Amino acid sequence: MTTAEEEKSVLEVTDYFGTIVKFKQKNYDKHKDKHPELRNKQFFPKQITMALQRPTLTIDGNQEGTLCYYLELFRVRDIIKFTKVVVRETNRRNNSDPHCVVMTAFKTDHIQELKYGFTPTYYTKEQ
């Protein structure tokens, strides 16, 4: 794969904060075997786009400069399923090319960053 192909975006969307978020081919290819839901057309790009545009909550990631977007998919008693999108924010305020980059995305049943003591920011779902 050439550098131009690696830098190609497989998804580009404006997030909840008004910043362009790009999911690069290189990161997609790196994670699609570990997270097979990335190969599901319902999950990618639909649920990833929804998580970025209308997250249920966001929380700082355990790596510096990352933000995790969570979209609650469903809740049945004590069972909750989320779409989680991990975004590197380092270029969010770059004057010449403000954007963020998706590091990975997958489904999960918990907010793992809570164990590090991070506090999520919750958003009201549109009625």
N, C-alpha and C. Protein backbone atom coordinates (compact mmCIF):
# COMPACT_ATOMS: atom_id res chain seq x y z
N MET A 1 0.85 -1.18 0.00
CA MET A 1 0.00 0.00 0.00
C MET A 1 0.89 1.24 0.00
N THR A 2 0.59 2.17 -0.85
CA THR A 2 1.37 3.40 -0.93
C THR A 2 0.95 4.38 0.15
N THR A 3 1.78 5.36 0.38
CA THR A 3 1.48 6.36 1.39
C THR A 3 0.19 7.10 1.07
N ALA A 4 -0.04 7.41 -0.19
CA ALA A 4 -1.28 8.11 -0.58
C ALA A 4 -2.51 7.28 -0.23
N GLU A 5 -2.45 5.96 -0.44
CA GLU A 5 -3.58 5.09 -0.09
C GLU A 5 -3.76 5.02 1.42
N GLU A 6 -2.66 4.98 2.18
CA GLU A 6 -2.73 4.93 3.63
C GLU A 6 -3.35 6.20 4.20
N GLU A 7 -3.07 7.34 3.56
CA GLU A 7 -3.58 8.62 4.02
C GLU A 7 -5.02 8.89 3.57
N LYS A 8 -5.51 8.10 2.64
CA LYS A 8 -6.89 8.25 2.16
C LYS A 8 -7.87 8.01 3.31
N SER A 9 -8.91 8.81 3.36
CA SER A 9 -9.93 8.66 4.39
C SER A 9 -11.03 7.74 3.89
N VAL A 10 -11.40 6.75 4.71
CA VAL A 10 -12.54 5.89 4.37
C VAL A 10 -13.83 6.47 4.95
N LEU A 11 -13.69 7.45 5.84
CA LEU A 11 -14.83 8.15 6.42
C LEU A 11 -14.37 9.54 6.82
N GLU A 12 -15.18 10.53 6.51
CA GLU A 12 -14.91 11.90 6.92
C GLU A 12 -16.24 12.52 7.32
N VAL A 13 -16.34 12.97 8.56
CA VAL A 13 -17.60 13.47 9.10
C VAL A 13 -17.31 14.64 10.04
N THR A 14 -18.25 15.56 10.14
CA THR A 14 -18.15 16.65 11.10
C THR A 14 -18.77 16.18 12.41
N ASP A 15 -18.00 16.26 13.49
CA ASP A 15 -18.47 15.72 14.77
C ASP A 15 -19.36 16.69 15.53
N TYR A 16 -19.77 16.28 16.72
CA TYR A 16 -20.64 17.05 17.60
C TYR A 16 -20.08 18.44 17.90
N PHE A 17 -18.75 18.57 17.91
CA PHE A 17 -18.08 19.82 18.26
C PHE A 17 -17.80 20.69 17.03
N GLY A 18 -18.21 20.22 15.84
CA GLY A 18 -18.00 20.99 14.63
C GLY A 18 -16.66 20.80 13.97
N THR A 19 -15.92 19.77 14.38
CA THR A 19 -14.61 19.48 13.82
C THR A 19 -14.70 18.33 12.84
N ILE A 20 -13.94 18.40 11.76
CA ILE A 20 -13.89 17.28 10.82
C ILE A 20 -13.10 16.14 11.45
N VAL A 21 -13.66 14.94 11.37
CA VAL A 21 -13.01 13.74 11.89
C VAL A 21 -12.80 12.80 10.71
N LYS A 22 -11.56 12.33 10.56
CA LYS A 22 -11.21 11.46 9.44
C LYS A 22 -10.82 10.08 9.96
N PHE A 23 -11.33 9.04 9.30
CA PHE A 23 -10.91 7.66 9.59
C PHE A 23 -10.06 7.26 8.40
N LYS A 24 -8.75 7.17 8.63
CA LYS A 24 -7.79 6.89 7.56
C LYS A 24 -7.79 5.40 7.21
N GLN A 25 -7.53 5.10 5.96
CA GLN A 25 -7.48 3.73 5.47
C GLN A 25 -6.52 2.89 6.30
N LYS A 26 -5.36 3.45 6.64
CA LYS A 26 -4.33 2.72 7.40
C LYS A 26 -4.88 2.24 8.75
N ASN A 27 -5.56 3.12 9.49
CA ASN A 27 -6.12 2.74 10.79
C ASN A 27 -7.27 1.75 10.62
N TYR A 28 -8.09 1.97 9.60
CA TYR A 28 -9.19 1.03 9.34
C TYR A 28 -8.62 -0.37 9.09
N ASP A 29 -7.65 -0.48 8.20
CA ASP A 29 -7.06 -1.79 7.87
C ASP A 29 -6.39 -2.42 9.09
N LYS A 30 -5.77 -1.61 9.92
CA LYS A 30 -5.07 -2.09 11.12
C LYS A 30 -6.05 -2.72 12.12
N HIS A 31 -7.28 -2.20 12.20
CA HIS A 31 -8.21 -2.62 13.24
C HIS A 31 -9.37 -3.51 12.76
N LYS A 32 -9.56 -3.68 11.47
CA LYS A 32 -10.74 -4.41 10.98
C LYS A 32 -10.72 -5.90 11.33
N ASP A 33 -9.54 -6.48 11.55
CA ASP A 33 -9.50 -7.89 11.96
C ASP A 33 -9.73 -8.03 13.47
N LYS A 34 -9.21 -7.09 14.24
CA LYS A 34 -9.40 -7.12 15.69
C LYS A 34 -10.86 -6.80 16.05
N HIS A 35 -11.48 -5.92 15.27
CA HIS A 35 -12.87 -5.52 15.51
C HIS A 35 -13.67 -5.79 14.23
N PRO A 36 -14.13 -7.03 14.04
CA PRO A 36 -14.81 -7.39 12.79
C PRO A 36 -16.09 -6.61 12.51
N GLU A 37 -16.65 -5.94 13.53
CA GLU A 37 -17.84 -5.13 13.29
C GLU A 37 -17.53 -3.99 12.31
N LEU A 38 -16.25 -3.64 12.17
CA LEU A 38 -15.87 -2.61 11.19
C LEU A 38 -16.20 -3.03 9.76
N ARG A 39 -16.34 -4.33 9.54
CA ARG A 39 -16.69 -4.82 8.20
C ARG A 39 -18.20 -4.92 8.00
N ASN A 40 -18.97 -4.60 9.03
CA ASN A 40 -20.43 -4.65 8.96
C ASN A 40 -20.95 -3.29 8.50
N LYS A 41 -21.74 -3.29 7.42
CA LYS A 41 -22.20 -2.02 6.83
C LYS A 41 -23.11 -1.22 7.77
N GLN A 42 -23.80 -1.87 8.68
CA GLN A 42 -24.62 -1.16 9.66
C GLN A 42 -23.73 -0.41 10.66
N PHE A 43 -22.64 -1.06 11.06
CA PHE A 43 -21.73 -0.44 12.03
C PHE A 43 -20.87 0.62 11.36
N PHE A 44 -20.27 0.25 10.24
CA PHE A 44 -19.40 1.18 9.52
C PHE A 44 -19.96 1.45 8.15
N PRO A 45 -20.35 2.63 7.85
CA PRO A 45 -20.06 3.89 8.55
C PRO A 45 -21.19 4.41 9.44
N LYS A 46 -22.38 3.81 9.41
CA LYS A 46 -23.56 4.40 10.05
C LYS A 46 -23.40 4.66 11.55
N GLN A 47 -23.07 3.62 12.33
CA GLN A 47 -23.01 3.81 13.78
C GLN A 47 -21.82 4.66 14.19
N ILE A 48 -20.73 4.58 13.45
CA ILE A 48 -19.58 5.43 13.76
C ILE A 48 -19.94 6.89 13.52
N THR A 49 -20.60 7.17 12.42
CA THR A 49 -21.03 8.53 12.10
C THR A 49 -21.97 9.04 13.18
N MET A 50 -22.94 8.23 13.59
CA MET A 50 -23.89 8.64 14.64
C MET A 50 -23.17 8.91 15.95
N ALA A 51 -22.20 8.07 16.31
CA ALA A 51 -21.46 8.26 17.56
C ALA A 51 -20.68 9.57 17.54
N LEU A 52 -20.12 9.91 16.40
CA LEU A 52 -19.36 11.16 16.29
C LEU A 52 -20.27 12.39 16.26
N GLN A 53 -21.40 12.29 15.59
CA GLN A 53 -22.29 13.44 15.45
C GLN A 53 -23.21 13.65 16.64
N ARG A 54 -23.68 12.57 17.24
CA ARG A 54 -24.63 12.65 18.36
C ARG A 54 -24.27 11.66 19.47
N PRO A 55 -23.11 11.86 20.10
CA PRO A 55 -22.70 10.90 21.13
C PRO A 55 -23.63 10.95 22.34
N THR A 56 -23.79 9.82 22.99
CA THR A 56 -24.48 9.78 24.27
C THR A 56 -23.60 10.43 25.32
N LEU A 57 -22.29 10.17 25.22
CA LEU A 57 -21.32 10.77 26.12
C LEU A 57 -19.96 10.77 25.45
N THR A 58 -19.09 11.66 25.95
CA THR A 58 -17.68 11.64 25.58
C THR A 58 -16.88 11.60 26.87
N ILE A 59 -15.68 11.05 26.78
CA ILE A 59 -14.82 10.94 27.95
C ILE A 59 -13.37 10.92 27.46
N ASP A 60 -12.49 11.55 28.23
CA ASP A 60 -11.08 11.52 27.86
C ASP A 60 -10.60 10.08 27.77
N GLY A 61 -9.76 9.81 26.78
CA GLY A 61 -9.19 8.48 26.63
C GLY A 61 -8.02 8.29 27.57
N ASN A 62 -7.59 7.03 27.75
CA ASN A 62 -6.47 6.78 28.66
C ASN A 62 -5.13 7.14 28.04
N GLN A 63 -5.10 7.41 26.73
CA GLN A 63 -3.89 7.94 26.09
C GLN A 63 -4.05 9.45 25.97
N GLU A 64 -3.01 10.19 26.29
CA GLU A 64 -3.07 11.64 26.22
C GLU A 64 -3.45 12.11 24.82
N GLY A 65 -4.34 13.10 24.76
CA GLY A 65 -4.74 13.66 23.48
C GLY A 65 -5.82 12.87 22.77
N THR A 66 -6.48 11.94 23.48
CA THR A 66 -7.56 11.18 22.86
C THR A 66 -8.89 11.48 23.55
N LEU A 67 -9.96 11.37 22.78
CA LEU A 67 -11.31 11.53 23.30
C LEU A 67 -12.13 10.35 22.80
N CYS A 68 -12.90 9.75 23.67
CA CYS A 68 -13.73 8.60 23.31
C CYS A 68 -15.19 9.06 23.21
N TYR A 69 -15.80 8.73 22.10
CA TYR A 69 -17.20 9.03 21.85
C TYR A 69 -17.98 7.73 22.04
N TYR A 70 -19.01 7.76 22.86
CA TYR A 70 -19.85 6.59 23.09
C TYR A 70 -21.26 6.88 22.61
N LEU A 71 -21.83 5.95 21.89
CA LEU A 71 -23.22 6.02 21.47
C LEU A 71 -23.93 4.81 22.07
N GLU A 72 -24.92 5.06 22.93
CA GLU A 72 -25.69 3.96 23.50
C GLU A 72 -26.60 3.39 22.44
N LEU A 73 -26.44 2.10 22.16
CA LEU A 73 -27.25 1.43 21.14
C LEU A 73 -28.54 0.90 21.72
N PHE A 74 -28.44 0.27 22.89
CA PHE A 74 -29.64 -0.22 23.57
C PHE A 74 -29.32 -0.52 25.03
N ARG A 75 -30.40 -0.63 25.83
CA ARG A 75 -30.27 -0.93 27.25
C ARG A 75 -31.43 -1.85 27.62
N VAL A 76 -31.12 -3.00 28.20
CA VAL A 76 -32.12 -3.93 28.70
C VAL A 76 -31.68 -4.34 30.10
N ARG A 77 -32.41 -3.85 31.09
CA ARG A 77 -32.07 -4.04 32.50
C ARG A 77 -30.63 -3.59 32.74
N ASP A 78 -29.73 -4.49 33.11
CA ASP A 78 -28.34 -4.12 33.39
C ASP A 78 -27.43 -4.29 32.18
N ILE A 79 -27.97 -4.62 31.04
CA ILE A 79 -27.17 -4.83 29.85
C ILE A 79 -27.24 -3.58 28.97
N ILE A 80 -26.08 -3.02 28.68
CA ILE A 80 -25.98 -1.85 27.81
C ILE A 80 -24.98 -2.17 26.71
N LYS A 81 -25.27 -1.74 25.51
CA LYS A 81 -24.33 -1.91 24.40
C LYS A 81 -24.06 -0.54 23.80
N PHE A 82 -22.77 -0.24 23.61
CA PHE A 82 -22.33 1.04 23.06
C PHE A 82 -21.53 0.83 21.78
N THR A 83 -21.53 1.83 20.94
CA THR A 83 -20.51 1.99 19.91
C THR A 83 -19.51 2.96 20.50
N LYS A 84 -18.23 2.59 20.45
CA LYS A 84 -17.16 3.44 20.97
C LYS A 84 -16.25 3.83 19.82
N VAL A 85 -15.95 5.12 19.72
CA VAL A 85 -15.02 5.63 18.71
C VAL A 85 -13.92 6.39 19.44
N VAL A 86 -12.69 5.96 19.25
CA VAL A 86 -11.54 6.60 19.89
C VAL A 86 -10.91 7.56 18.87
N VAL A 87 -10.79 8.82 19.26
CA VAL A 87 -10.33 9.87 18.35
C VAL A 87 -9.09 10.56 18.91
N ARG A 88 -8.08 10.72 18.06
CA ARG A 88 -6.89 11.50 18.41
C ARG A 88 -7.20 12.95 18.08
N GLU A 89 -7.04 13.83 19.07
CA GLU A 89 -7.46 15.23 18.93
C GLU A 89 -6.33 16.20 18.61
N THR A 90 -5.15 15.73 18.36
CA THR A 90 -3.98 16.60 18.28
C THR A 90 -4.10 17.73 17.26
N ASN A 91 -4.86 17.56 16.18
CA ASN A 91 -4.97 18.61 15.17
C ASN A 91 -6.30 19.38 15.24
N ARG A 92 -7.07 19.19 16.31
CA ARG A 92 -8.39 19.83 16.40
C ARG A 92 -8.30 21.36 16.24
N ARG A 93 -7.26 21.97 16.77
CA ARG A 93 -7.16 23.43 16.73
C ARG A 93 -6.07 23.92 15.77
N ASN A 94 -5.65 23.08 14.85
CA ASN A 94 -4.66 23.46 13.84
C ASN A 94 -5.30 24.45 12.87
N ASN A 95 -4.73 25.64 12.76
CA ASN A 95 -5.34 26.69 11.94
C ASN A 95 -5.38 26.34 10.46
N SER A 96 -4.38 25.64 9.95
CA SER A 96 -4.35 25.36 8.52
C SER A 96 -5.19 24.13 8.13
N ASP A 97 -5.33 23.17 9.03
CA ASP A 97 -6.11 21.96 8.72
C ASP A 97 -6.69 21.38 10.00
N PRO A 98 -7.73 22.04 10.56
CA PRO A 98 -8.30 21.53 11.81
C PRO A 98 -9.08 20.24 11.59
N HIS A 99 -8.61 19.16 12.20
CA HIS A 99 -9.31 17.88 12.09
C HIS A 99 -8.83 16.94 13.20
N CYS A 100 -9.57 15.89 13.40
CA CYS A 100 -9.21 14.82 14.32
C CYS A 100 -9.15 13.53 13.52
N VAL A 101 -8.54 12.51 14.10
CA VAL A 101 -8.37 11.24 13.40
C VAL A 101 -8.92 10.10 14.26
N VAL A 102 -9.75 9.23 13.66
CA VAL A 102 -10.23 8.05 14.35
C VAL A 102 -9.08 7.07 14.50
N MET A 103 -8.84 6.63 15.73
CA MET A 103 -7.82 5.63 15.97
C MET A 103 -8.40 4.23 15.80
N THR A 104 -9.61 4.02 16.38
CA THR A 104 -10.30 2.75 16.25
C THR A 104 -11.76 2.94 16.63
N ALA A 105 -12.58 1.94 16.34
CA ALA A 105 -14.00 1.96 16.69
C ALA A 105 -14.46 0.52 16.87
N PHE A 106 -15.36 0.32 17.84
CA PHE A 106 -15.85 -1.03 18.11
C PHE A 106 -17.07 -0.97 19.02
N LYS A 107 -17.71 -2.11 19.23
CA LYS A 107 -18.83 -2.21 20.17
C LYS A 107 -18.29 -2.67 21.52
N THR A 108 -18.92 -2.18 22.58
CA THR A 108 -18.51 -2.55 23.92
C THR A 108 -19.72 -2.52 24.85
N ASP A 109 -19.57 -3.12 26.03
CA ASP A 109 -20.67 -3.15 26.99
C ASP A 109 -20.37 -2.36 28.26
N HIS A 110 -19.29 -1.57 28.23
CA HIS A 110 -18.97 -0.74 29.39
C HIS A 110 -18.11 0.45 28.97
N ILE A 111 -18.02 1.42 29.86
CA ILE A 111 -17.20 2.61 29.64
C ILE A 111 -15.89 2.39 30.38
N GLN A 112 -14.92 1.91 29.65
CA GLN A 112 -13.69 1.45 30.28
C GLN A 112 -12.90 2.58 30.95
N GLU A 113 -13.02 3.81 30.47
CA GLU A 113 -12.24 4.92 31.03
C GLU A 113 -12.67 5.29 32.46
N LEU A 114 -13.84 4.83 32.89
CA LEU A 114 -14.28 5.11 34.26
C LEU A 114 -13.31 4.50 35.28
N LYS A 115 -12.69 3.39 34.94
CA LYS A 115 -11.76 2.75 35.88
C LYS A 115 -10.49 3.57 36.09
N TYR A 116 -10.23 4.54 35.20
CA TYR A 116 -9.07 5.43 35.35
C TYR A 116 -9.46 6.70 36.10
N GLY A 117 -10.72 6.80 36.49
CA GLY A 117 -11.18 7.96 37.24
C GLY A 117 -11.61 9.14 36.38
N PHE A 118 -11.70 8.94 35.06
CA PHE A 118 -12.13 10.01 34.18
C PHE A 118 -13.63 10.20 34.31
N THR A 119 -14.08 11.45 34.10
CA THR A 119 -15.49 11.78 34.22
C THR A 119 -16.07 12.05 32.83
N PRO A 120 -17.14 11.34 32.48
CA PRO A 120 -17.74 11.56 31.17
C PRO A 120 -18.58 12.83 31.14
N THR A 121 -18.77 13.36 29.93
CA THR A 121 -19.71 14.44 29.69
C THR A 121 -20.88 13.83 28.94
N TYR A 122 -22.08 13.96 29.52
CA TYR A 122 -23.28 13.37 28.92
C TYR A 122 -24.01 14.40 28.08
N TYR A 123 -24.65 13.92 27.03
CA TYR A 123 -25.40 14.80 26.15
C TYR A 123 -26.84 14.34 26.12
N THR A 124 -27.76 15.28 25.99
CA THR A 124 -29.17 14.95 25.94
C THR A 124 -29.52 14.42 24.56
N LYS A 125 -30.17 13.27 24.55
CA LYS A 125 -30.62 12.72 23.28
C LYS A 125 -31.76 13.57 22.74
N GLU A 126 -31.75 13.77 21.42
CA GLU A 126 -32.83 14.53 20.78
C GLU A 126 -34.11 13.70 20.83
N GLN A 127 -35.20 14.36 21.13
CA GLN A 127 -36.48 13.65 21.22
C GLN A 127 -37.13 13.55 19.87
